[in-house]
Amino acid sequence: TIRIPDALARRLQSRAEAEKVAVDELAARLLATGMQSPLEPEQWTAANQRRVALIEKRFHGGLSDNELQELQHLQELADRQLEELDTLMLKDVADMEAAAQRVLGAVE
């Protein structure tokens, strides 16, 4: 048994209904997805190409239920990939800011 806040439980229920799956099935899938580490660059490139192809197909003719689930999974992977990239970029910005502060301090 996992306890989650009521608001999160309502969101999970709503999404499960939208995807026409059981709440516990969706929760297990999301948890498994969240436990995966980000993909290696080659894997990410292939997964992202498939994600883009599914997005294009969705707008040009629609997706099957399986393709829709696959797209959702790929979107979740993309979110995790980009989150890690964001973290690295923010660290780089912080490092540059610290270096600039050191230079400004040395000039004064």
Protein backbone atom coordinates (compact mmCIF):
# COMPACT_ATOMS: atom_id res chain seq x y z
CA THR A 1 0.00 0.00 0.00
CA ILE A 2 1.27 3.42 -0.94
CA ARG A 3 -0.27 6.54 0.56
CA ILE A 4 -0.47 9.58 -1.69
CA PRO A 5 -2.11 12.99 -1.23
CA ASP A 6 -5.78 13.21 -2.21
CA ALA A 7 -5.09 15.70 -5.00
CA LEU A 8 -2.55 13.36 -6.56
CA ALA A 9 -4.94 10.42 -6.20
CA ARG A 10 -7.63 12.38 -8.05
CA ARG A 11 -5.19 13.23 -10.85
CA LEU A 12 -4.16 9.58 -11.09
CA GLN A 13 -7.80 8.46 -11.20
CA SER A 14 -8.64 11.02 -13.87
CA ARG A 15 -5.69 10.03 -16.03
CA ALA A 16 -6.46 6.33 -15.64
CA GLU A 17 -10.03 6.99 -16.79
CA ALA A 18 -8.76 9.01 -19.76
CA GLU A 19 -6.37 6.22 -20.75
CA LYS A 20 -9.02 3.56 -20.03
CA VAL A 21 -6.74 1.57 -17.71
CA ALA A 22 -6.96 0.51 -14.09
CA VAL A 23 -5.57 2.98 -11.55
CA ASP A 24 -3.13 0.43 -10.13
CA GLU A 25 -1.91 -0.43 -13.65
CA LEU A 26 -1.27 3.22 -14.45
CA ALA A 27 0.39 3.83 -11.08
CA ALA A 28 2.68 0.83 -11.57
CA ARG A 29 3.60 1.98 -15.08
CA LEU A 30 4.33 5.52 -13.93
CA LEU A 31 6.39 4.29 -11.01
CA ALA A 32 8.37 1.93 -13.24
CA THR A 33 8.95 4.73 -15.72
CA GLY A 34 10.07 7.06 -12.97
CA MET A 35 12.56 4.50 -11.69
CA GLN A 36 14.31 4.16 -15.05
CA SER A 37 17.49 6.09 -15.53
CA PRO A 38 17.71 8.51 -18.43
CA LEU A 39 18.59 6.97 -21.75
CA GLU A 40 22.01 6.86 -23.33
CA PRO A 41 22.42 9.33 -26.22
CA GLU A 42 21.90 6.70 -28.94
CA GLN A 43 18.80 5.33 -27.21
CA TRP A 44 17.45 8.83 -26.64
CA THR A 45 17.91 9.77 -30.30
CA ALA A 46 15.96 6.72 -31.45
CA ALA A 47 13.25 7.17 -28.81
CA ASN A 48 12.88 10.86 -29.61
CA GLN A 49 12.63 10.19 -33.35
CA ARG A 50 9.85 7.69 -32.66
CA ARG A 51 8.14 10.23 -30.36
CA VAL A 52 8.22 12.90 -33.07
CA ALA A 53 6.91 10.42 -35.66
CA LEU A 54 3.99 9.52 -33.39
CA ILE A 55 3.21 13.19 -32.76
CA GLU A 56 3.14 13.83 -36.51
CA LYS A 57 0.97 10.77 -37.08
CA ARG A 58 -1.44 11.92 -34.37
CA PHE A 59 -2.03 15.16 -36.25
CA HIS A 60 -2.27 13.57 -39.69
CA GLY A 61 -4.43 10.54 -39.11
CA GLY A 62 -4.67 9.57 -35.50
CA LEU A 63 -3.08 6.94 -33.33
CA SER A 64 -4.16 3.49 -32.27
CA ASP A 65 -4.61 2.87 -28.54
CA ASN A 66 -1.22 1.12 -28.44
CA GLU A 67 0.46 4.01 -30.24
CA LEU A 68 -1.19 6.47 -27.86
CA GLN A 69 0.20 4.56 -24.87
CA GLU A 70 3.61 4.38 -26.55
CA LEU A 71 3.54 8.14 -27.15
CA GLN A 72 2.65 8.77 -23.50
CA HIS A 73 5.57 6.63 -22.41
CA LEU A 74 7.93 8.42 -24.81
CA GLN A 75 6.69 11.79 -23.58
CA GLU A 76 7.51 10.74 -20.02
CA LEU A 77 10.99 9.70 -21.15
CA ALA A 78 11.42 13.05 -22.90
CA ASP A 79 10.41 14.87 -19.72
CA ARG A 80 13.04 12.97 -17.72
CA GLN A 81 15.72 13.46 -20.37
CA LEU A 82 15.08 17.19 -20.52
CA GLU A 83 14.88 17.50 -16.75
CA GLU A 84 18.38 16.07 -16.43
CA LEU A 85 19.62 18.39 -19.18
CA ASP A 86 17.99 21.35 -17.42
CA THR A 87 19.76 20.42 -14.20
CA LEU A 88 23.12 20.29 -15.96
CA MET A 89 22.50 23.60 -17.72
CA LEU A 90 21.48 25.29 -14.48
CA LYS A 91 24.66 24.04 -12.86
CA ASP A 92 26.68 25.49 -15.76
CA VAL A 93 24.90 28.83 -15.37
CA ALA A 94 25.61 28.84 -11.62
CA ASP A 95 29.29 28.07 -12.30
CA MET A 96 29.50 30.92 -14.83
CA GLU A 97 27.78 33.28 -12.43
CA ALA A 98 30.24 32.36 -9.68
CA ALA A 99 33.18 32.88 -12.04
CA ALA A 100 31.80 36.29 -13.06
CA GLN A 101 31.40 37.26 -9.41
CA ARG A 102 35.03 36.27 -8.75
CA VAL A 103 36.21 38.37 -11.70
CA LEU A 104 34.11 41.34 -10.59
CA GLY A 105 35.43 40.98 -7.05
CA ALA A 106 39.03 40.92 -8.31
CA VAL A 107 38.45 44.08 -10.40
CA GLU A 108 37.13 46.11 -7.47
